[in-house]
Amino acid sequence: MNISTQIRNLYNPIQPTVKASAENVTYIEFLPDLRLQPYIYCYWQLKTAELLAEPFHYRVVTDSCIDIIFDLNNPEENYVMGFFKN
């Protein structure tokens, strides 16, 4: 058995849902290309339907994933997040 090809069957990352109070914010997951699925579980996107009147805070749960966070409109705010040891 090649464990890297079975990872999608063994692991299911958990992300919090967008609160109902944030009616103009959507969370969507996309599958990567089939060739990348052994390495990338999913791509996800937070998107607003219109400008928000107040800041929106999204809580990321520690689910053993490494996340690459980027904003196409604000490249100074790009991050790589995940587990680490001091």
PDB file of N, CA and C in Angstrom:
ATOM      1  N   MET A   1       0.848  -1.191   0.000  1.00  0.00           N
ATOM      2  CA  MET A   1       0.000   0.000   0.000  1.00  0.00           C
ATOM      3  C   MET A   1       0.886   1.245   0.000  1.00  0.00           C
ATOM      4  N   ASN A   2       0.584   2.140  -0.873  1.00  0.00           N
ATOM      5  CA  ASN A   2       1.285   3.413  -0.944  1.00  0.00           C
ATOM      6  C   ASN A   2       0.493   4.423  -0.117  1.00  0.00           C
ATOM      7  N   ILE A   3       0.990   4.748   1.063  1.00  0.00           N
ATOM      8  CA  ILE A   3       0.248   5.586   2.013  1.00  0.00           C
ATOM      9  C   ILE A   3      -0.053   6.972   1.455  1.00  0.00           C
ATOM     10  N   SER A   4       0.820   7.524   0.620  1.00  0.00           N
ATOM     11  CA  SER A   4       0.568   8.871   0.112  1.00  0.00           C
ATOM     12  C   SER A   4      -0.657   8.913  -0.793  1.00  0.00           C
ATOM     13  N   THR A   5      -0.974   7.823  -1.468  1.00  0.00           N
ATOM     14  CA  THR A   5      -2.157   7.830  -2.325  1.00  0.00           C
ATOM     15  C   THR A   5      -3.429   7.563  -1.528  1.00  0.00           C
ATOM     16  N   GLN A   6      -3.298   7.120  -0.292  1.00  0.00           N
ATOM     17  CA  GLN A   6      -4.451   6.823   0.545  1.00  0.00           C
ATOM     18  C   GLN A   6      -4.748   7.921   1.572  1.00  0.00           C
ATOM     19  N   ILE A   7      -3.984   8.991   1.585  1.00  0.00           N
ATOM     20  CA  ILE A   7      -4.106  10.004   2.626  1.00  0.00           C
ATOM     21  C   ILE A   7      -5.505  10.612   2.681  1.00  0.00           C
ATOM     22  N   ARG A   8      -6.167  10.759   1.553  1.00  0.00           N
ATOM     23  CA  ARG A   8      -7.506  11.346   1.534  1.00  0.00           C
ATOM     24  C   ARG A   8      -8.516  10.449   2.248  1.00  0.00           C
ATOM     25  N   ASN A   9      -8.243   9.148   2.298  1.00  0.00           N
ATOM     26  CA  ASN A   9      -9.123   8.217   3.000  1.00  0.00           C
ATOM     27  C   ASN A   9      -8.816   8.161   4.498  1.00  0.00           C
ATOM     28  N   LEU A  10      -7.631   8.605   4.896  1.00  0.00           N
ATOM     29  CA  LEU A  10      -7.202   8.488   6.290  1.00  0.00           C
ATOM     30  C   LEU A  10      -7.325   9.794   7.074  1.00  0.00           C
ATOM     31  N   TYR A  11      -7.534  10.895   6.396  1.00  0.00           N
ATOM     32  CA  TYR A  11      -7.441  12.194   7.050  1.00  0.00           C
ATOM     33  C   TYR A  11      -8.541  13.110   6.546  1.00  0.00           C
ATOM     34  N   ASN A  12      -9.175  13.827   7.448  1.00  0.00           N
ATOM     35  CA  ASN A  12     -10.207  14.791   7.092  1.00  0.00           C
ATOM     36  C   ASN A  12     -10.002  16.054   7.922  1.00  0.00           C
ATOM     37  N   PRO A  13      -9.407  17.087   7.346  1.00  0.00           N
ATOM     38  CA  PRO A  13      -9.163  18.309   8.117  1.00  0.00           C
ATOM     39  C   PRO A  13     -10.471  18.938   8.571  1.00  0.00           C
ATOM     40  N   ILE A  14     -10.422  19.605   9.711  1.00  0.00           N
ATOM     41  CA  ILE A  14     -11.605  20.236  10.297  1.00  0.00           C
ATOM     42  C   ILE A  14     -11.411  21.744  10.258  1.00  0.00           C
ATOM     43  N   GLN A  15     -12.379  22.431   9.706  1.00  0.00           N
ATOM     44  CA  GLN A  15     -12.358  23.884   9.698  1.00  0.00           C
ATOM     45  C   GLN A  15     -13.667  24.401  10.258  1.00  0.00           C
ATOM     46  N   PRO A  16     -13.603  25.495  11.010  1.00  0.00           N
ATOM     47  CA  PRO A  16     -14.848  26.053  11.541  1.00  0.00           C
ATOM     48  C   PRO A  16     -15.704  26.610  10.412  1.00  0.00           C
ATOM     49  N   THR A  17     -16.980  26.627  10.617  1.00  0.00           N
ATOM     50  CA  THR A  17     -17.866  27.204   9.615  1.00  0.00           C
ATOM     51  C   THR A  17     -17.919  28.707   9.794  1.00  0.00           C
ATOM     52  N   VAL A  18     -18.263  29.384   8.742  1.00  0.00           N
ATOM     53  CA  VAL A  18     -18.434  30.828   8.815  1.00  0.00           C
ATOM     54  C   VAL A  18     -19.746  31.088   9.540  1.00  0.00           C
ATOM     55  N   LYS A  19     -19.690  31.915  10.551  1.00  0.00           N
ATOM     56  CA  LYS A  19     -20.877  32.196  11.364  1.00  0.00           C
ATOM     57  C   LYS A  19     -22.006  32.791  10.521  1.00  0.00           C
ATOM     58  N   ALA A  20     -23.204  32.460  10.895  1.00  0.00           N
ATOM     59  CA  ALA A  20     -24.377  32.975  10.186  1.00  0.00           C
ATOM     60  C   ALA A  20     -24.449  34.504  10.228  1.00  0.00           C
ATOM     61  N   SER A  21     -23.832  35.103  11.235  1.00  0.00           N
ATOM     62  CA  SER A  21     -23.856  36.563  11.340  1.00  0.00           C
ATOM     63  C   SER A  21     -23.017  37.212  10.238  1.00  0.00           C
ATOM     64  N   ALA A  22     -22.155  36.446   9.614  1.00  0.00           N
ATOM     65  CA  ALA A  22     -21.337  36.970   8.513  1.00  0.00           C
ATOM     66  C   ALA A  22     -21.993  36.576   7.195  1.00  0.00           C
ATOM     67  N   GLU A  23     -23.178  37.111   6.964  1.00  0.00           N
ATOM     68  CA  GLU A  23     -23.967  36.683   5.808  1.00  0.00           C
ATOM     69  C   GLU A  23     -23.326  37.017   4.468  1.00  0.00           C
ATOM     70  N   ASN A  24     -22.383  37.934   4.428  1.00  0.00           N
ATOM     71  CA  ASN A  24     -21.735  38.301   3.171  1.00  0.00           C
ATOM     72  C   ASN A  24     -20.399  37.609   2.969  1.00  0.00           C
ATOM     73  N   VAL A  25     -20.064  36.632   3.829  1.00  0.00           N
ATOM     74  CA  VAL A  25     -18.804  35.905   3.713  1.00  0.00           C
ATOM     75  C   VAL A  25     -19.099  34.450   3.401  1.00  0.00           C
ATOM     76  N   THR A  26     -18.407  33.913   2.406  1.00  0.00           N
ATOM     77  CA  THR A  26     -18.578  32.499   2.062  1.00  0.00           C
ATOM     78  C   THR A  26     -17.249  31.767   2.168  1.00  0.00           C
ATOM     79  N   TYR A  27     -17.321  30.500   2.550  1.00  0.00           N
ATOM     80  CA  TYR A  27     -16.164  29.607   2.629  1.00  0.00           C
ATOM     81  C   TYR A  27     -16.416  28.494   1.622  1.00  0.00           C
ATOM     82  N   ILE A  28     -15.464  28.270   0.712  1.00  0.00           N
ATOM     83  CA  ILE A  28     -15.602  27.245  -0.322  1.00  0.00           C
ATOM     84  C   ILE A  28     -14.317  26.434  -0.375  1.00  0.00           C
ATOM     85  N   GLU A  29     -14.439  25.111  -0.497  1.00  0.00           N
ATOM     86  CA  GLU A  29     -13.292  24.225  -0.704  1.00  0.00           C
ATOM     87  C   GLU A  29     -13.307  23.709  -2.136  1.00  0.00           C
ATOM     88  N   PHE A  30     -12.091  23.612  -2.709  1.00  0.00           N
ATOM     89  CA  PHE A  30     -11.918  23.099  -4.062  1.00  0.00           C
ATOM     90  C   PHE A  30     -10.919  21.949  -4.027  1.00  0.00           C
ATOM     91  N   LEU A  31     -11.186  20.912  -4.776  1.00  0.00           N
ATOM     92  CA  LEU A  31     -10.219  19.819  -4.899  1.00  0.00           C
ATOM     93  C   LEU A  31      -9.090  20.237  -5.833  1.00  0.00           C
ATOM     94  N   PRO A  32      -7.861  19.849  -5.515  1.00  0.00           N
ATOM     95  CA  PRO A  32      -6.762  20.110  -6.450  1.00  0.00           C
ATOM     96  C   PRO A  32      -6.834  19.148  -7.627  1.00  0.00           C
ATOM     97  N   ASP A  33      -6.019  19.402  -8.603  1.00  0.00           N
ATOM     98  CA  ASP A  33      -5.873  18.482  -9.724  1.00  0.00           C
ATOM     99  C   ASP A  33      -5.583  17.084  -9.182  1.00  0.00           C
ATOM    100  N   LEU A  34      -6.073  16.072  -9.833  1.00  0.00           N
ATOM    101  CA  LEU A  34      -5.911  14.687  -9.386  1.00  0.00           C
ATOM    102  C   LEU A  34      -4.452  14.342  -9.093  1.00  0.00           C
ATOM    103  N   ARG A  35      -3.530  14.882  -9.873  1.00  0.00           N
ATOM    104  CA  ARG A  35      -2.099  14.590  -9.680  1.00  0.00           C
ATOM    105  C   ARG A  35      -1.544  15.204  -8.398  1.00  0.00           C
ATOM    106  N   LEU A  36      -2.211  16.218  -7.864  1.00  0.00           N
ATOM    107  CA  LEU A  36      -1.756  16.870  -6.629  1.00  0.00           C
ATOM    108  C   LEU A  36      -2.470  16.366  -5.382  1.00  0.00           C
ATOM    109  N   GLN A  37      -3.517  15.586  -5.534  1.00  0.00           N
ATOM    110  CA  GLN A  37      -4.306  15.153  -4.387  1.00  0.00           C
ATOM    111  C   GLN A  37      -3.539  14.327  -3.357  1.00  0.00           C
ATOM    112  N   PRO A  38      -2.482  13.593  -3.716  1.00  0.00           N
ATOM    113  CA  PRO A  38      -1.707  12.941  -2.651  1.00  0.00           C
ATOM    114  C   PRO A  38      -0.966  13.934  -1.748  1.00  0.00           C
ATOM    115  N   TYR A  39      -0.807  15.182  -2.196  1.00  0.00           N
ATOM    116  CA  TYR A  39      -0.013  16.175  -1.465  1.00  0.00           C
ATOM    117  C   TYR A  39      -0.842  17.345  -0.941  1.00  0.00           C
ATOM    118  N   ILE A  40      -1.914  17.683  -1.627  1.00  0.00           N
ATOM    119  CA  ILE A  40      -2.752  18.829  -1.256  1.00  0.00           C
ATOM    120  C   ILE A  40      -4.163  18.325  -1.024  1.00  0.00           C
ATOM    121  N   TYR A  41      -4.665  18.503   0.204  1.00  0.00           N
ATOM    122  CA  TYR A  41      -6.015  18.025   0.512  1.00  0.00           C
ATOM    123  C   TYR A  41      -7.064  18.854  -0.212  1.00  0.00           C
ATOM    124  N   CYS A  42      -6.950  20.177  -0.085  1.00  0.00           N
ATOM    125  CA  CYS A  42      -7.893  21.053  -0.780  1.00  0.00           C
ATOM    126  C   CYS A  42      -7.341  22.464  -0.822  1.00  0.00           C
ATOM    127  N   TYR A  43      -7.909  23.239  -1.700  1.00  0.00           N
ATOM    128  CA  TYR A  43      -7.745  24.686  -1.689  1.00  0.00           C
ATOM    129  C   TYR A  43      -9.018  25.229  -1.063  1.00  0.00           C
ATOM    130  N   TRP A  44      -8.898  26.291  -0.293  1.00  0.00           N
ATOM    131  CA  TRP A  44     -10.109  26.894   0.269  1.00  0.00           C
ATOM    132  C   TRP A  44     -10.060  28.391   0.076  1.00  0.00           C
ATOM    133  N   GLN A  45     -11.247  28.975   0.067  1.00  0.00           N
ATOM    134  CA  GLN A  45     -11.363  30.396  -0.224  1.00  0.00           C
ATOM    135  C   GLN A  45     -12.414  31.024   0.684  1.00  0.00           C
ATOM    136  N   LEU A  46     -12.047  32.149   1.262  1.00  0.00           N
ATOM    137  CA  LEU A  46     -13.012  33.022   1.939  1.00  0.00           C
ATOM    138  C   LEU A  46     -13.253  34.189   0.998  1.00  0.00           C
ATOM    139  N   LYS A  47     -14.501  34.476   0.782  1.00  0.00           N
ATOM    140  CA  LYS A  47     -14.820  35.525  -0.182  1.00  0.00           C
ATOM    141  C   LYS A  47     -15.996  36.344   0.338  1.00  0.00           C
ATOM    142  N   THR A  48     -15.973  37.642   0.051  1.00  0.00           N
ATOM    143  CA  THR A  48     -17.078  38.507   0.456  1.00  0.00           C
ATOM    144  C   THR A  48     -17.902  38.880  -0.771  1.00  0.00           C
ATOM    145  N   ALA A  49     -19.197  38.999  -0.569  1.00  0.00           N
ATOM    146  CA  ALA A  49     -20.098  39.391  -1.645  1.00  0.00           C
ATOM    147  C   ALA A  49     -20.078  40.905  -1.852  1.00  0.00           C
ATOM    148  N   GLU A  50     -19.745  41.617  -0.773  1.00  0.00           N
ATOM    149  CA  GLU A  50     -19.657  43.072  -0.834  1.00  0.00           C
ATOM    150  C   GLU A  50     -18.711  43.544   0.266  1.00  0.00           C
ATOM    151  N   LEU A  51     -18.354  44.812   0.251  1.00  0.00           N
ATOM    152  CA  LEU A  51     -17.477  45.345   1.296  1.00  0.00           C
ATOM    153  C   LEU A  51     -18.139  45.165   2.652  1.00  0.00           C
ATOM    154  N   LEU A  52     -17.332  44.770   3.634  1.00  0.00           N
ATOM    155  CA  LEU A  52     -17.859  44.534   4.977  1.00  0.00           C
ATOM    156  C   LEU A  52     -17.828  45.816   5.796  1.00  0.00           C
ATOM    157  N   ALA A  53     -18.842  46.002   6.612  1.00  0.00           N
ATOM    158  CA  ALA A  53     -18.937  47.198   7.448  1.00  0.00           C
ATOM    159  C   ALA A  53     -17.981  47.134   8.633  1.00  0.00           C
ATOM    160  N   GLU A  54     -17.618  45.919   9.059  1.00  0.00           N
ATOM    161  CA  GLU A  54     -16.706  45.745  10.187  1.00  0.00           C
ATOM    162  C   GLU A  54     -15.740  44.600   9.877  1.00  0.00           C
ATOM    163  N   PRO A  55     -14.617  44.535  10.586  1.00  0.00           N
ATOM    164  CA  PRO A  55     -13.640  43.467  10.316  1.00  0.00           C
ATOM    165  C   PRO A  55     -14.232  42.071  10.531  1.00  0.00           C
ATOM    166  N   PHE A  56     -13.820  41.139   9.707  1.00  0.00           N
ATOM    167  CA  PHE A  56     -14.242  39.749   9.831  1.00  0.00           C
ATOM    168  C   PHE A  56     -13.039  38.947  10.314  1.00  0.00           C
ATOM    169  N   HIS A  57     -13.203  38.201  11.396  1.00  0.00           N
ATOM    170  CA  HIS A  57     -12.120  37.396  11.954  1.00  0.00           C
ATOM    171  C   HIS A  57     -12.433  35.921  11.725  1.00  0.00           C
ATOM    172  N   TYR A  58     -11.584  35.259  10.982  1.00  0.00           N
ATOM    173  CA  TYR A  58     -11.761  33.833  10.710  1.00  0.00           C
ATOM    174  C   TYR A  58     -10.811  33.051  11.603  1.00  0.00           C
ATOM    175  N   ARG A  59     -11.326  32.111  12.345  1.00  0.00           N
ATOM    176  CA  ARG A  59     -10.523  31.294  13.253  1.00  0.00           C
ATOM    177  C   ARG A  59     -10.102  30.019  12.539  1.00  0.00           C
ATOM    178  N   VAL A  60      -8.813  29.779  12.477  1.00  0.00           N
ATOM    179  CA  VAL A  60      -8.284  28.562  11.876  1.00  0.00           C
ATOM    180  C   VAL A  60      -8.027  27.560  12.985  1.00  0.00           C
ATOM    181  N   VAL A  61      -8.500  26.347  12.797  1.00  0.00           N
ATOM    182  CA  VAL A  61      -8.350  25.281  13.779  1.00  0.00           C
ATOM    183  C   VAL A  61      -7.062  24.521  13.483  1.00  0.00           C
ATOM    184  N   THR A  62      -6.325  24.142  14.536  1.00  0.00           N
ATOM    185  CA  THR A  62      -5.118  23.339  14.332  1.00  0.00           C
ATOM    186  C   THR A  62      -5.539  21.925  13.961  1.00  0.00           C
ATOM    187  N   ASP A  63      -5.427  21.622  12.679  1.00  0.00           N
ATOM    188  CA  ASP A  63      -5.877  20.333  12.162  1.00  0.00           C
ATOM    189  C   ASP A  63      -4.742  19.563  11.487  1.00  0.00           C
ATOM    190  N   SER A  64      -3.504  19.919  11.808  1.00  0.00           N
ATOM    191  CA  SER A  64      -2.296  19.285  11.265  1.00  0.00           C
ATOM    192  C   SER A  64      -2.011  19.653   9.818  1.00  0.00           C
ATOM    193  N   CYS A  65      -2.735  20.601   9.276  1.00  0.00           N
ATOM    194  CA  CYS A  65      -2.480  21.047   7.906  1.00  0.00           C
ATOM    195  C   CYS A  65      -1.516  22.232   7.910  1.00  0.00           C
ATOM    196  N   ILE A  66      -0.770  22.356   6.850  1.00  0.00           N
ATOM    197  CA  ILE A  66       0.012  23.556   6.586  1.00  0.00           C
ATOM    198  C   ILE A  66      -0.837  24.398   5.643  1.00  0.00           C
ATOM    199  N   ASP A  67      -1.092  25.636   6.002  1.00  0.00           N
ATOM    200  CA  ASP A  67      -1.886  26.528   5.168  1.00  0.00           C
ATOM    201  C   ASP A  67      -0.998  27.599   4.572  1.00  0.00           C
ATOM    202  N   ILE A  68      -1.193  27.877   3.307  1.00  0.00           N
ATOM    203  CA  ILE A  68      -0.543  29.001   2.638  1.00  0.00           C
ATOM    204  C   ILE A  68      -1.649  30.018   2.399  1.00  0.00           C
ATOM    205  N   ILE A  69      -1.560  31.138   3.092  1.00  0.00           N
ATOM    206  CA  ILE A  69      -2.598  32.163   3.050  1.00  0.00           C
ATOM    207  C   ILE A  69      -2.102  33.319   2.191  1.00  0.00           C
ATOM    208  N   PHE A  70      -2.894  33.688   1.203  1.00  0.00           N
ATOM    209  CA  PHE A  70      -2.512  34.846   0.396  1.00  0.00           C
ATOM    210  C   PHE A  70      -3.755  35.585  -0.081  1.00  0.00           C
ATOM    211  N   ASP A  71      -3.546  36.861  -0.302  1.00  0.00           N
ATOM    212  CA  ASP A  71      -4.596  37.742  -0.791  1.00  0.00           C
ATOM    213  C   ASP A  71      -4.062  38.358  -2.076  1.00  0.00           C
ATOM    214  N   LEU A  72      -4.710  38.079  -3.187  1.00  0.00           N
ATOM    215  CA  LEU A  72      -4.240  38.596  -4.471  1.00  0.00           C
ATOM    216  C   LEU A  72      -4.198  40.116  -4.510  1.00  0.00           C
ATOM    217  N   ASN A  73      -5.049  40.738  -3.705  1.00  0.00           N
ATOM    218  CA  ASN A  73      -5.100  42.203  -3.684  1.00  0.00           C
ATOM    219  C   ASN A  73      -4.188  42.825  -2.643  1.00  0.00           C
ATOM    220  N   ASN A  74      -3.554  41.991  -1.813  1.00  0.00           N
ATOM    221  CA  ASN A  74      -2.693  42.502  -0.744  1.00  0.00           C
ATOM    222  C   ASN A  74      -1.527  41.524  -0.517  1.00  0.00           C
ATOM    223  N   PRO A  75      -0.578  41.453  -1.449  1.00  0.00           N
ATOM    224  CA  PRO A  75       0.497  40.453  -1.345  1.00  0.00           C
ATOM    225  C   PRO A  75       1.424  40.636  -0.145  1.00  0.00           C
ATOM    226  N   GLU A  76       1.392  41.787   0.510  1.00  0.00           N
ATOM    227  CA  GLU A  76       2.221  41.977   1.714  1.00  0.00           C
ATOM    228  C   GLU A  76       1.719  41.124   2.871  1.00  0.00           C
ATOM    229  N   GLU A  77       0.489  40.661   2.794  1.00  0.00           N
ATOM    230  CA  GLU A  77      -0.127  39.892   3.870  1.00  0.00           C
ATOM    231  C   GLU A  77      -0.188  38.403   3.541  1.00  0.00           C
ATOM    232  N   ASN A  78       0.872  37.838   2.989  1.00  0.00           N
ATOM    233  CA  ASN A  78       0.936  36.419   2.678  1.00  0.00           C
ATOM    234  C   ASN A  78       1.607  35.680   3.833  1.00  0.00           C
ATOM    235  N   TYR A  79       1.100  34.478   4.160  1.00  0.00           N
ATOM    236  CA  TYR A  79       1.620  33.724   5.294  1.00  0.00           C
ATOM    237  C   TYR A  79       1.646  32.226   5.001  1.00  0.00           C
ATOM    238  N   VAL A  80       2.561  31.515   5.653  1.00  0.00           N
ATOM    239  CA  VAL A  80       2.545  30.073   5.721  1.00  0.00           C
ATOM    240  C   VAL A  80       2.314  29.738   7.185  1.00  0.00           C
ATOM    241  N   MET A  81       1.284  28.926   7.467  1.00  0.00           N
ATOM    242  CA  MET A  81       0.918  28.628   8.847  1.00  0.00           C
ATOM    243  C   MET A  81       0.826  27.121   9.057  1.00  0.00           C
ATOM    244  N   GLY A  82       1.166  26.689  10.253  1.00  0.00           N
ATOM    245  CA  GLY A  82       1.062  25.284  10.595  1.00  0.00           C
ATOM    246  C   GLY A  82       1.729  25.014  11.939  1.00  0.00           C
ATOM    247  N   PHE A  83       1.907  23.747  12.267  1.00  0.00           N
ATOM    248  CA  PHE A  83       2.560  23.371  13.514  1.00  0.00           C
ATOM    249  C   PHE A  83       4.035  23.723  13.493  1.00  0.00           C
ATOM    250  N   PHE A  84       4.575  24.039  14.673  1.00  0.00           N
ATOM    251  CA  PHE A  84       6.004  24.237  14.811  1.00  0.00           C
ATOM    252  C   PHE A  84       6.373  23.993  16.265  1.00  0.00           C
ATOM    253  N   LYS A  85       7.648  23.734  16.495  1.00  0.00           N
ATOM    254  CA  LYS A  85       8.159  23.573  17.853  1.00  0.00           C
ATOM    255  C   LYS A  85       9.197  24.647  18.123  1.00  0.00           C
ATOM    256  N   ASN A  86       9.177  25.208  19.315  1.00  0.00           N
ATOM    257  CA  ASN A  86      10.182  26.203  19.710  1.00  0.00           C
ATOM    258  C   ASN A  86      11.456  25.534  20.129  1.00  0.00           C
TER     259      ASN A  86
END
